[in-house]
N, C-alpha and C. Protein backbone atom coordinates (compact mmCIF):
# COMPACT_ATOMS: atom_id res chain seq x y z
N UNK A 1 83.91 100.29 96.02
CA UNK A 1 84.40 101.44 96.67
C UNK A 1 84.24 101.13 98.14
N UNK A 2 83.05 100.48 98.56
CA UNK A 2 82.78 100.05 100.03
C UNK A 2 84.20 99.19 100.47
N UNK A 3 84.70 98.23 99.90
CA UNK A 3 85.70 97.58 100.13
C UNK A 3 86.74 98.40 100.51
N UNK A 4 87.10 99.24 99.89
CA UNK A 4 88.61 100.22 99.72
C UNK A 4 88.21 101.18 101.06
N UNK A 5 86.97 101.67 101.13
CA UNK A 5 86.86 102.52 102.34
C UNK A 5 87.02 101.74 103.64
N UNK A 6 86.48 100.41 103.58
CA UNK A 6 86.59 99.71 104.80
C UNK A 6 87.99 99.24 105.12
N UNK A 7 88.90 99.03 104.22
CA UNK A 7 90.22 98.58 104.29
C UNK A 7 91.05 99.80 104.74
N UNK A 8 90.74 100.94 104.19
CA UNK A 8 91.39 102.19 104.46
C UNK A 8 91.26 102.48 105.79
N UNK A 9 89.96 102.34 106.33
CA UNK A 9 89.62 102.60 107.93
C UNK A 9 90.35 101.76 108.66
N UNK A 10 90.39 100.27 108.39
CA UNK A 10 91.04 99.48 109.38
C UNK A 10 92.61 99.50 108.92
N UNK A 11 93.13 99.67 107.99
CA UNK A 11 94.73 99.65 107.80
C UNK A 11 95.28 100.92 107.66
N UNK A 12 94.63 102.24 107.32
CA UNK A 12 95.33 103.30 106.96
C UNK A 12 94.76 104.52 107.85
N UNK A 13 93.58 104.62 108.12
CA UNK A 13 93.07 105.76 109.13
C UNK A 13 93.88 106.14 110.35
N UNK A 14 94.43 104.93 110.89
CA UNK A 14 95.04 105.43 112.40
C UNK A 14 96.11 106.43 112.14
N UNK A 15 96.67 106.50 110.77
CA UNK A 15 97.78 107.48 110.45
C UNK A 15 97.36 108.53 109.39
N UNK A 16 96.43 108.38 108.67
CA UNK A 16 96.03 109.11 107.62
C UNK A 16 94.67 109.44 107.52
N UNK A 17 94.38 110.67 107.12
CA UNK A 17 93.11 111.11 106.92
C UNK A 17 92.81 111.09 105.28
N UNK A 18 91.57 111.03 104.56
CA UNK A 18 91.46 111.18 103.46
C UNK A 18 90.17 112.16 103.15
N UNK A 19 90.03 112.98 104.04
CA UNK A 19 88.87 113.90 103.98
C UNK A 19 89.42 115.30 103.67
N UNK A 20 88.52 116.08 102.77
CA UNK A 20 89.05 117.31 102.11
C UNK A 20 89.43 118.38 103.39
N UNK A 21 88.68 118.32 104.41
CA UNK A 21 89.16 119.05 105.48
C UNK A 21 89.88 118.36 106.70
N UNK A 22 90.37 117.11 106.41
CA UNK A 22 90.69 116.23 107.51
C UNK A 22 92.14 116.64 107.85
N UNK A 23 92.74 116.36 109.03
CA UNK A 23 93.76 116.80 109.73
C UNK A 23 94.94 116.06 108.97
N UNK A 24 96.10 116.71 109.06
CA UNK A 24 97.59 115.86 109.00
C UNK A 24 97.92 115.18 110.22
N UNK A 25 98.03 113.84 110.20
CA UNK A 25 98.18 113.01 111.39
C UNK A 25 99.85 112.73 111.29
N UNK A 26 99.66 111.44 111.77
CA UNK A 26 101.05 110.93 111.63
C UNK A 26 101.66 110.78 110.30
N UNK A 27 100.75 110.60 109.29
CA UNK A 27 100.83 110.67 107.86
C UNK A 27 100.26 111.87 107.29
N UNK A 28 100.59 112.14 106.04
CA UNK A 28 99.87 113.25 105.34
C UNK A 28 98.53 112.89 105.10
N UNK A 29 97.62 113.84 104.89
CA UNK A 29 96.37 113.94 104.49
C UNK A 29 96.43 113.43 103.05
N UNK A 30 95.69 112.30 102.79
CA UNK A 30 95.51 111.66 101.41
C UNK A 30 94.47 112.08 100.47
N UNK A 31 93.62 113.01 100.90
CA UNK A 31 92.65 113.39 100.03
C UNK A 31 93.27 114.16 98.77
N UNK A 32 92.77 113.97 97.60
CA UNK A 32 93.43 114.52 96.60
C UNK A 32 94.84 114.01 96.01
N UNK A 33 95.03 112.84 96.74
CA UNK A 33 96.46 112.16 96.58
C UNK A 33 96.89 111.91 94.93
N UNK A 34 95.95 111.45 94.11
CA UNK A 34 96.26 111.17 92.71
C UNK A 34 96.69 112.53 91.91
N UNK A 35 97.85 112.44 91.44
CA UNK A 35 98.47 113.50 90.70
C UNK A 35 99.42 114.26 91.30
N UNK A 36 99.50 113.81 92.72
CA UNK A 36 100.30 114.50 93.63
C UNK A 36 101.71 114.01 93.56
N UNK A 37 102.81 114.66 93.70
CA UNK A 37 104.07 114.03 93.81
C UNK A 37 104.52 113.58 95.05
N UNK A 38 105.06 112.56 95.25
CA UNK A 38 105.47 112.09 96.84
C UNK A 38 106.34 113.24 97.36
N UNK A 39 106.14 113.16 98.67
CA UNK A 39 106.75 114.19 99.39
C UNK A 39 106.61 115.59 99.17
N UNK A 40 105.38 116.01 98.66
CA UNK A 40 105.21 117.45 98.37
C UNK A 40 104.16 117.94 98.98
N UNK A 41 103.19 117.47 99.73
CA UNK A 41 102.02 118.05 100.44
C UNK A 41 102.82 119.12 101.58
N UNK A 42 102.46 120.39 101.23
CA UNK A 42 102.93 121.47 102.17
C UNK A 42 102.47 121.10 103.60
N UNK A 43 103.50 121.55 104.50
CA UNK A 43 103.32 121.37 105.96
C UNK A 43 103.47 120.05 106.49
N UNK A 44 103.79 119.23 105.68
CA UNK A 44 104.26 117.64 106.27
C UNK A 44 105.61 117.51 106.12
N UNK A 45 106.18 116.82 107.28
CA UNK A 45 107.58 116.52 107.23
C UNK A 45 107.72 115.03 106.92
N UNK A 46 108.27 115.05 105.44
CA UNK A 46 108.44 113.85 104.73
C UNK A 46 109.91 113.31 105.03
N UNK A 47 110.15 112.23 104.92
CA UNK A 47 111.54 111.72 104.78
C UNK A 47 112.27 112.17 103.65
N UNK A 48 113.59 112.32 103.45
CA UNK A 48 114.19 112.74 102.36
C UNK A 48 114.03 111.55 101.05
N UNK A 49 113.98 110.62 101.54
CA UNK A 49 113.72 109.26 100.68
C UNK A 49 112.21 109.68 100.00
N UNK A 50 111.50 109.79 100.69
CA UNK A 50 110.05 110.19 100.00
C UNK A 50 110.05 111.49 99.02
N UNK A 51 110.78 112.47 99.49
CA UNK A 51 110.87 113.67 98.72
C UNK A 51 111.81 113.35 97.31
N UNK A 52 112.83 112.61 97.60
CA UNK A 52 113.70 112.20 96.50
C UNK A 52 113.37 111.36 95.28
N UNK A 53 112.28 110.42 95.93
CA UNK A 53 111.55 109.47 95.13
C UNK A 53 111.06 110.01 93.90
N UNK A 54 109.99 111.30 94.33
CA UNK A 54 109.21 112.16 93.41
C UNK A 54 108.49 111.40 92.42
N UNK A 55 107.93 110.33 92.99
CA UNK A 55 106.86 109.63 92.20
C UNK A 55 105.35 110.18 92.21
N UNK A 56 104.83 110.23 90.96
CA UNK A 56 103.59 110.80 90.90
C UNK A 56 102.80 109.71 91.49
N UNK A 57 101.69 110.02 92.34
CA UNK A 57 100.94 108.85 92.84
C UNK A 57 99.57 108.96 91.78
N UNK A 58 99.49 107.39 91.50
CA UNK A 58 98.44 107.07 90.44
C UNK A 58 98.00 105.56 90.95
N UNK A 59 97.05 105.06 90.31
CA UNK A 59 96.60 103.75 90.53
C UNK A 59 97.89 102.76 90.58
N UNK A 60 98.69 102.76 89.88
CA UNK A 60 99.70 101.74 89.81
C UNK A 60 100.76 102.09 90.85
N UNK A 61 101.21 103.13 91.04
CA UNK A 61 102.36 103.58 91.89
C UNK A 61 101.85 103.20 93.40
N UNK A 62 100.68 103.70 93.51
CA UNK A 62 99.90 103.76 94.87
C UNK A 62 99.85 102.16 95.30
N UNK A 63 99.51 101.25 94.67
CA UNK A 63 99.40 99.81 94.75
C UNK A 63 100.75 99.49 94.96
N UNK A 64 101.83 99.83 94.27
CA UNK A 64 103.00 99.31 94.73
C UNK A 64 103.77 99.76 95.89
N UNK A 65 103.37 101.01 96.28
CA UNK A 65 103.85 101.46 97.58
C UNK A 65 102.94 100.82 98.70
N UNK A 66 101.93 100.62 98.75
CA UNK A 66 101.11 100.18 99.82
C UNK A 66 101.40 98.58 100.02
N UNK A 67 101.98 97.81 98.82
CA UNK A 67 102.18 96.53 98.98
C UNK A 67 103.30 96.15 99.72
N UNK A 68 104.47 97.20 99.53
CA UNK A 68 105.75 97.13 100.23
C UNK A 68 106.45 98.56 100.51
N UNK A 69 105.89 99.26 101.39
CA UNK A 69 106.52 100.75 101.30
C UNK A 69 107.91 100.83 101.37
N UNK A 70 108.66 99.98 102.17
CA UNK A 70 109.94 100.22 102.31
C UNK A 70 110.99 99.68 100.97
N UNK A 71 110.23 99.00 100.38
CA UNK A 71 110.82 98.40 99.06
C UNK A 71 110.67 99.44 98.03
N UNK A 72 109.23 99.88 97.82
CA UNK A 72 109.07 100.91 96.82
C UNK A 72 109.95 102.43 97.13
N UNK A 73 109.80 102.74 98.43
CA UNK A 73 110.59 104.06 98.85
C UNK A 73 111.68 103.65 99.85
N UNK A 74 112.74 103.04 99.53
CA UNK A 74 113.56 102.68 100.85
C UNK A 74 114.11 104.14 101.53
N UNK A 75 113.90 103.96 102.98
CA UNK A 75 114.21 104.89 103.83
C UNK A 75 113.10 105.75 103.99
N UNK A 76 111.74 105.30 103.54
CA UNK A 76 110.64 106.28 104.09
C UNK A 76 110.37 106.10 105.61
N UNK A 77 109.70 107.04 106.04
CA UNK A 77 109.31 106.94 107.46
C UNK A 77 108.17 105.94 107.96
N UNK A 78 107.47 105.73 106.95
CA UNK A 78 106.03 105.08 107.19
C UNK A 78 106.38 103.56 107.63
N UNK A 79 105.92 103.45 108.84
CA UNK A 79 106.33 102.30 109.46
C UNK A 79 105.09 100.93 109.18
N UNK A 80 104.80 100.84 107.94
CA UNK A 80 103.70 99.82 107.58
C UNK A 80 104.48 98.77 106.71
N UNK A 81 104.22 97.44 107.19
CA UNK A 81 104.82 96.52 106.49
C UNK A 81 104.27 96.23 105.05
N UNK A 82 102.93 96.55 104.90
CA UNK A 82 102.53 96.43 103.50
C UNK A 82 101.05 95.71 103.63
N UNK A 83 100.31 95.93 102.50
CA UNK A 83 99.12 95.24 102.53
C UNK A 83 99.17 93.89 101.37
N UNK A 84 99.00 92.89 102.02
CA UNK A 84 99.34 91.66 101.09
C UNK A 84 98.24 91.29 99.86
N UNK A 85 97.02 91.64 100.33
CA UNK A 85 96.07 91.27 99.35
C UNK A 85 95.98 92.20 98.16
N UNK A 86 96.19 91.74 96.97
CA UNK A 86 96.22 92.50 95.49
C UNK A 86 94.71 93.21 95.52
N UNK A 87 93.87 92.50 95.93
CA UNK A 87 92.27 93.02 95.84
C UNK A 87 92.08 94.20 96.83
N UNK A 88 92.60 93.96 97.97
CA UNK A 88 92.46 95.09 99.06
C UNK A 88 93.37 96.14 98.57
N UNK A 89 94.57 95.99 98.04
CA UNK A 89 95.22 97.41 97.45
C UNK A 89 94.64 97.91 96.41
N UNK A 90 94.09 97.16 95.40
CA UNK A 90 93.23 97.89 94.28
C UNK A 90 92.20 98.66 95.17
N UNK A 91 91.32 97.88 95.96
CA UNK A 91 90.27 98.73 96.51
C UNK A 91 90.56 99.85 97.23
N UNK A 92 91.70 99.92 98.18
CA UNK A 92 92.09 100.96 98.75
C UNK A 92 92.63 102.16 97.56
N UNK A 93 93.22 101.85 96.66
CA UNK A 93 93.68 102.72 95.57
C UNK A 93 92.35 103.44 94.97
N UNK A 94 91.39 102.54 94.67
CA UNK A 94 90.25 103.07 94.09
C UNK A 94 89.52 104.25 95.01
N UNK A 95 89.53 103.66 96.41
CA UNK A 95 88.84 104.77 97.16
C UNK A 95 89.72 105.96 97.26
N UNK A 96 90.79 105.89 97.35
CA UNK A 96 91.77 107.16 97.43
C UNK A 96 91.58 107.94 96.02
N UNK A 97 91.44 107.19 95.02
CA UNK A 97 91.37 108.01 93.74
C UNK A 97 90.10 108.59 93.55
N UNK A 98 89.06 108.09 94.45
CA UNK A 98 87.64 108.93 94.54
C UNK A 98 87.82 110.07 95.46
N UNK A 99 88.67 110.14 96.14
CA UNK A 99 88.66 111.35 97.27
C UNK A 99 89.50 112.55 96.45
N UNK A 100 88.48 113.42 95.75
CA UNK A 100 89.22 114.46 95.18
C UNK A 100 88.25 115.68 95.15
């Protein structure tokens, strides 16, 4: 969990919060992400691609997305090239899964 929290802080927190009362930033708040459908958080302006993709965020889908966001959801607004390390992707996904 510690590795995931640290990697989230260094790679994701500039655009996303994962706290229950955290703000919507450049990206949507990721607290309670698991089970949520892509493009569905009220109050956030998603790309049409993210809304249309309609993937349910779970361990596997999240890891695929953060590996290569543009490949997983072509047309997403997320300007992130991806997290190369499979171990880091898994750690971030585990960290986010615990934020509920």
